[in-house]
PDB file of N, CA and C in Angstrom:
ATOM      1  N   UNK A   1     -15.214  -7.848 -15.632  1.00  0.00           N
ATOM      2  CA  UNK A   1     -14.013  -8.330 -16.444  1.00  0.00           C
ATOM      3  C   UNK A   1     -12.743  -7.419 -16.100  1.00  0.00           C
ATOM      4  N   UNK A   2     -11.425  -7.837 -15.785  1.00  0.00           N
ATOM      5  CA  UNK A   2     -10.416  -7.226 -15.467  1.00  0.00           C
ATOM      6  C   UNK A   2      -9.639  -6.990 -16.744  1.00  0.00           C
ATOM      7  N   UNK A   3      -8.891  -5.939 -16.890  1.00  0.00           N
ATOM      8  CA  UNK A   3      -7.987  -5.647 -17.919  1.00  0.00           C
ATOM      9  C   UNK A   3      -6.528  -5.309 -17.536  1.00  0.00           C
ATOM     10  N   UNK A   4      -5.552  -5.993 -18.421  1.00  0.00           N
ATOM     11  CA  UNK A   4      -4.288  -5.903 -17.995  1.00  0.00           C
ATOM     12  C   UNK A   4      -3.717  -4.814 -19.030  1.00  0.00           C
ATOM     13  N   UNK A   5      -2.880  -4.004 -18.570  1.00  0.00           N
ATOM     14  CA  UNK A   5      -2.271  -2.813 -19.264  1.00  0.00           C
ATOM     15  C   UNK A   5      -0.690  -3.169 -19.471  1.00  0.00           C
ATOM     16  N   UNK A   6      -0.193  -2.954 -20.722  1.00  0.00           N
ATOM     17  CA  UNK A   6       1.367  -2.852 -20.945  1.00  0.00           C
ATOM     18  C   UNK A   6       1.726  -1.622 -21.456  1.00  0.00           C
ATOM     19  N   UNK A   7       2.757  -1.034 -21.102  1.00  0.00           N
ATOM     20  CA  UNK A   7       3.192   0.222 -21.599  1.00  0.00           C
ATOM     21  C   UNK A   7       4.620   0.278 -22.047  1.00  0.00           C
ATOM     22  N   UNK A   8       4.787   1.027 -23.160  1.00  0.00           N
ATOM     23  CA  UNK A   8       6.166   1.286 -23.706  1.00  0.00           C
ATOM     24  C   UNK A   8       6.906   2.358 -22.922  1.00  0.00           C
ATOM     25  N   UNK A   9       8.251   1.952 -22.409  1.00  0.00           N
ATOM     26  CA  UNK A   9       8.885   2.946 -21.650  1.00  0.00           C
ATOM     27  C   UNK A   9       9.482   4.081 -22.384  1.00  0.00           C
ATOM     28  N   UNK A  10       9.636   3.810 -23.724  1.00  0.00           N
ATOM     29  CA  UNK A  10      10.117   4.798 -24.539  1.00  0.00           C
ATOM     30  C   UNK A  10       9.140   6.000 -24.995  1.00  0.00           C
ATOM     31  N   UNK A  11       7.962   5.677 -25.583  1.00  0.00           N
ATOM     32  CA  UNK A  11       7.048   6.621 -26.098  1.00  0.00           C
ATOM     33  C   UNK A  11       5.751   6.748 -25.315  1.00  0.00           C
ATOM     34  N   UNK A  12       5.603   5.781 -24.523  1.00  0.00           N
ATOM     35  CA  UNK A  12       4.375   5.903 -23.464  1.00  0.00           C
ATOM     36  C   UNK A  12       3.088   5.184 -24.066  1.00  0.00           C
ATOM     37  N   UNK A  13       3.160   4.607 -25.299  1.00  0.00           N
ATOM     38  CA  UNK A  13       2.223   3.715 -25.869  1.00  0.00           C
ATOM     39  C   UNK A  13       1.516   2.754 -24.813  1.00  0.00           C
ATOM     40  N   UNK A  14       0.261   2.610 -24.627  1.00  0.00           N
ATOM     41  CA  UNK A  14      -0.162   1.754 -23.729  1.00  0.00           C
ATOM     42  C   UNK A  14      -1.175   0.788 -24.618  1.00  0.00           C
ATOM     43  N   UNK A  15      -1.099  -0.414 -24.278  1.00  0.00           N
ATOM     44  CA  UNK A  15      -1.880  -1.491 -24.810  1.00  0.00           C
ATOM     45  C   UNK A  15      -2.576  -2.066 -23.727  1.00  0.00           C
ATOM     46  N   UNK A  16      -4.000  -2.387 -23.923  1.00  0.00           N
ATOM     47  CA  UNK A  16      -4.808  -3.071 -23.060  1.00  0.00           C
ATOM     48  C   UNK A  16      -5.373  -4.433 -23.560  1.00  0.00           C
ATOM     49  N   UNK A  17      -5.310  -5.275 -22.703  1.00  0.00           N
ATOM     50  CA  UNK A  17      -5.564  -6.900 -22.970  1.00  0.00           C
ATOM     51  C   UNK A  17      -6.601  -7.374 -21.963  1.00  0.00           C
ATOM     52  N   UNK A  18      -7.783  -7.919 -22.561  1.00  0.00           N
ATOM     53  CA  UNK A  18      -8.499  -8.623 -21.266  1.00  0.00           C
ATOM     54  C   UNK A  18      -7.788  -9.585 -20.620  1.00  0.00           C
ATOM     55  N   UNK A  19      -7.818  -9.762 -19.352  1.00  0.00           N
ATOM     56  CA  UNK A  19      -7.384 -10.596 -18.460  1.00  0.00           C
ATOM     57  C   UNK A  19      -7.379 -11.985 -18.794  1.00  0.00           C
ATOM     58  N   UNK A  20      -8.584 -12.315 -19.531  1.00  0.00           N
ATOM     59  CA  UNK A  20      -8.779 -13.816 -19.969  1.00  0.00           C
ATOM     60  C   UNK A  20      -7.839 -14.246 -21.085  1.00  0.00           C
ATOM     61  N   UNK A  21      -7.551 -13.083 -21.953  1.00  0.00           N
ATOM     62  CA  UNK A  21      -6.424 -13.587 -23.066  1.00  0.00           C
ATOM     63  C   UNK A  21      -5.181 -14.010 -22.358  1.00  0.00           C
ATOM     64  N   UNK A  22      -4.828 -13.498 -21.232  1.00  0.00           N
ATOM     65  CA  UNK A  22      -3.406 -13.898 -20.695  1.00  0.00           C
ATOM     66  C   UNK A  22      -3.583 -15.079 -19.856  1.00  0.00           C
ATOM     67  N   UNK A  23      -4.627 -15.609 -19.708  1.00  0.00           N
ATOM     68  CA  UNK A  23      -4.836 -16.770 -18.900  1.00  0.00           C
ATOM     69  C   UNK A  23      -4.662 -16.500 -17.356  1.00  0.00           C
ATOM     70  N   UNK A  24      -5.118 -15.170 -17.152  1.00  0.00           N
ATOM     71  CA  UNK A  24      -5.016 -14.543 -15.738  1.00  0.00           C
ATOM     72  C   UNK A  24      -3.794 -14.607 -15.099  1.00  0.00           C
ATOM     73  N   UNK A  25      -2.613 -14.936 -15.814  1.00  0.00           N
ATOM     74  CA  UNK A  25      -1.341 -14.911 -15.384  1.00  0.00           C
ATOM     75  C   UNK A  25      -0.488 -14.181 -16.444  1.00  0.00           C
ATOM     76  N   UNK A  26      -0.437 -12.909 -16.469  1.00  0.00           N
ATOM     77  CA  UNK A  26       0.101 -12.035 -17.560  1.00  0.00           C
ATOM     78  C   UNK A  26       1.653 -12.120 -17.565  1.00  0.00           C
ATOM     79  N   UNK A  27       2.210 -12.060 -18.673  1.00  0.00           N
ATOM     80  CA  UNK A  27       3.587 -11.890 -18.633  1.00  0.00           C
ATOM     81  C   UNK A  27       4.041 -10.696 -18.466  1.00  0.00           C
ATOM     82  N   UNK A  28       5.320 -10.480 -17.791  1.00  0.00           N
ATOM     83  CA  UNK A  28       5.930  -9.177 -17.303  1.00  0.00           C
ATOM     84  C   UNK A  28       6.258  -8.327 -18.568  1.00  0.00           C
ATOM     85  N   UNK A  29       6.536  -8.883 -19.884  1.00  0.00           N
ATOM     86  CA  UNK A  29       6.945  -8.016 -20.809  1.00  0.00           C
ATOM     87  C   UNK A  29       6.308  -8.769 -21.968  1.00  0.00           C
ATOM     88  N   UNK A  30       5.818  -8.023 -23.085  1.00  0.00           N
ATOM     89  CA  UNK A  30       5.513  -8.430 -24.429  1.00  0.00           C
ATOM     90  C   UNK A  30       6.165  -7.643 -25.559  1.00  0.00           C
ATOM     91  N   UNK A  31       6.381  -8.464 -26.362  1.00  0.00           N
ATOM     92  CA  UNK A  31       6.713  -7.908 -27.742  1.00  0.00           C
ATOM     93  C   UNK A  31       5.658  -7.371 -28.674  1.00  0.00           C
ATOM     94  N   UNK A  32       5.666  -6.187 -29.307  1.00  0.00           N
ATOM     95  CA  UNK A  32       4.602  -5.513 -30.124  1.00  0.00           C
ATOM     96  C   UNK A  32       5.186  -4.331 -30.607  1.00  0.00           C
ATOM     97  N   UNK A  33       5.108  -4.200 -31.986  1.00  0.00           N
ATOM     98  CA  UNK A  33       5.330  -3.188 -32.867  1.00  0.00           C
ATOM     99  C   UNK A  33       4.160  -2.215 -32.764  1.00  0.00           C
ATOM    100  N   UNK A  34       4.563  -1.009 -32.535  1.00  0.00           N
ATOM    101  CA  UNK A  34       3.715   0.126 -32.373  1.00  0.00           C
ATOM    102  C   UNK A  34       3.922   1.441 -32.899  1.00  0.00           C
ATOM    103  N   UNK A  35       3.018   2.375 -32.903  1.00  0.00           N
ATOM    104  CA  UNK A  35       3.368   3.611 -33.520  1.00  0.00           C
ATOM    105  C   UNK A  35       3.388   4.440 -32.112  1.00  0.00           C
ATOM    106  N   UNK A  36       4.578   5.597 -32.261  1.00  0.00           N
ATOM    107  CA  UNK A  36       4.451   6.400 -31.402  1.00  0.00           C
ATOM    108  C   UNK A  36       3.455   7.665 -31.813  1.00  0.00           C
ATOM    109  N   UNK A  37       2.574   7.745 -30.828  1.00  0.00           N
ATOM    110  CA  UNK A  37       1.369   8.697 -31.086  1.00  0.00           C
ATOM    111  C   UNK A  37       1.679   9.992 -31.302  1.00  0.00           C
ATOM    112  N   UNK A  38       2.855  10.507 -30.484  1.00  0.00           N
ATOM    113  CA  UNK A  38       3.113  11.761 -30.951  1.00  0.00           C
ATOM    114  C   UNK A  38       3.942  12.148 -32.113  1.00  0.00           C
ATOM    115  N   UNK A  39       4.684  11.141 -32.435  1.00  0.00           N
ATOM    116  CA  UNK A  39       5.499  11.514 -33.807  1.00  0.00           C
ATOM    117  C   UNK A  39       4.833  10.719 -35.052  1.00  0.00           C
ATOM    118  N   UNK A  40       3.913   9.861 -34.694  1.00  0.00           N
ATOM    119  CA  UNK A  40       3.318   8.974 -35.867  1.00  0.00           C
ATOM    120  C   UNK A  40       4.188   8.191 -36.648  1.00  0.00           C
ATOM    121  N   UNK A  41       5.468   8.038 -36.110  1.00  0.00           N
ATOM    122  CA  UNK A  41       6.190   6.951 -36.523  1.00  0.00           C
ATOM    123  C   UNK A  41       6.377   5.709 -35.969  1.00  0.00           C
ATOM    124  N   UNK A  42       6.890   4.731 -36.355  1.00  0.00           N
ATOM    125  CA  UNK A  42       7.054   3.393 -35.723  1.00  0.00           C
ATOM    126  C   UNK A  42       7.968   3.728 -34.532  1.00  0.00           C
ATOM    127  N   UNK A  43       7.715   3.304 -33.358  1.00  0.00           N
ATOM    128  CA  UNK A  43       8.670   3.150 -32.227  1.00  0.00           C
ATOM    129  C   UNK A  43       9.591   2.153 -32.469  1.00  0.00           C
ATOM    130  N   UNK A  44      10.891   2.396 -32.211  1.00  0.00           N
ATOM    131  CA  UNK A  44      12.015   1.434 -32.200  1.00  0.00           C
ATOM    132  C   UNK A  44      12.066   0.298 -30.979  1.00  0.00           C
ATOM    133  N   UNK A  45      11.165   0.877 -30.025  1.00  0.00           N
ATOM    134  CA  UNK A  45      11.371   0.060 -28.928  1.00  0.00           C
ATOM    135  C   UNK A  45      10.086  -0.885 -28.867  1.00  0.00           C
ATOM    136  N   UNK A  46      10.184  -2.209 -29.034  1.00  0.00           N
ATOM    137  CA  UNK A  46       9.022  -2.992 -29.321  1.00  0.00           C
ATOM    138  C   UNK A  46       8.553  -3.868 -28.078  1.00  0.00           C
ATOM    139  N   UNK A  47       9.355  -3.480 -26.950  1.00  0.00           N
ATOM    140  CA  UNK A  47       8.991  -4.067 -25.634  1.00  0.00           C
ATOM    141  C   UNK A  47       8.024  -3.284 -24.714  1.00  0.00           C
ATOM    142  N   UNK A  48       6.961  -3.963 -24.304  1.00  0.00           N
ATOM    143  CA  UNK A  48       5.897  -3.294 -23.631  1.00  0.00           C
ATOM    144  C   UNK A  48       5.953  -3.983 -22.141  1.00  0.00           C
ATOM    145  N   UNK A  49       6.031  -3.373 -21.113  1.00  0.00           N
ATOM    146  CA  UNK A  49       6.210  -3.797 -19.751  1.00  0.00           C
ATOM    147  C   UNK A  49       4.892  -3.684 -19.233  1.00  0.00           C
ATOM    148  N   UNK A  50       4.399  -4.659 -18.319  1.00  0.00           N
ATOM    149  CA  UNK A  50       3.329  -5.018 -17.589  1.00  0.00           C
ATOM    150  C   UNK A  50       3.363  -3.731 -16.643  1.00  0.00           C
ATOM    151  N   UNK A  51       1.933  -3.125 -16.543  1.00  0.00           N
ATOM    152  CA  UNK A  51       1.666  -1.993 -15.580  1.00  0.00           C
ATOM    153  C   UNK A  51       1.156  -2.723 -14.348  1.00  0.00           C
ATOM    154  N   UNK A  52       1.750  -2.860 -13.147  1.00  0.00           N
ATOM    155  CA  UNK A  52       1.415  -3.518 -12.068  1.00  0.00           C
ATOM    156  C   UNK A  52       0.353  -2.430 -11.371  1.00  0.00           C
ATOM    157  N   UNK A  53      -0.820  -3.197 -11.051  1.00  0.00           N
ATOM    158  CA  UNK A  53      -1.839  -2.261 -10.564  1.00  0.00           C
ATOM    159  C   UNK A  53      -2.361  -2.594  -9.294  1.00  0.00           C
TER     160      UNK A  53
END
């Protein structure tokens, strides 16, 4: 099974999604609230970009 990765350009947060959840045609960007793992605060940038592999 393949995995798709999305990354926040602001804080570096990475989110992994099984490729079957994306219908094997992942979006280039997704919106997701997330925590900056360094500061432990909510990141103000909610856009995660697809990491092309």
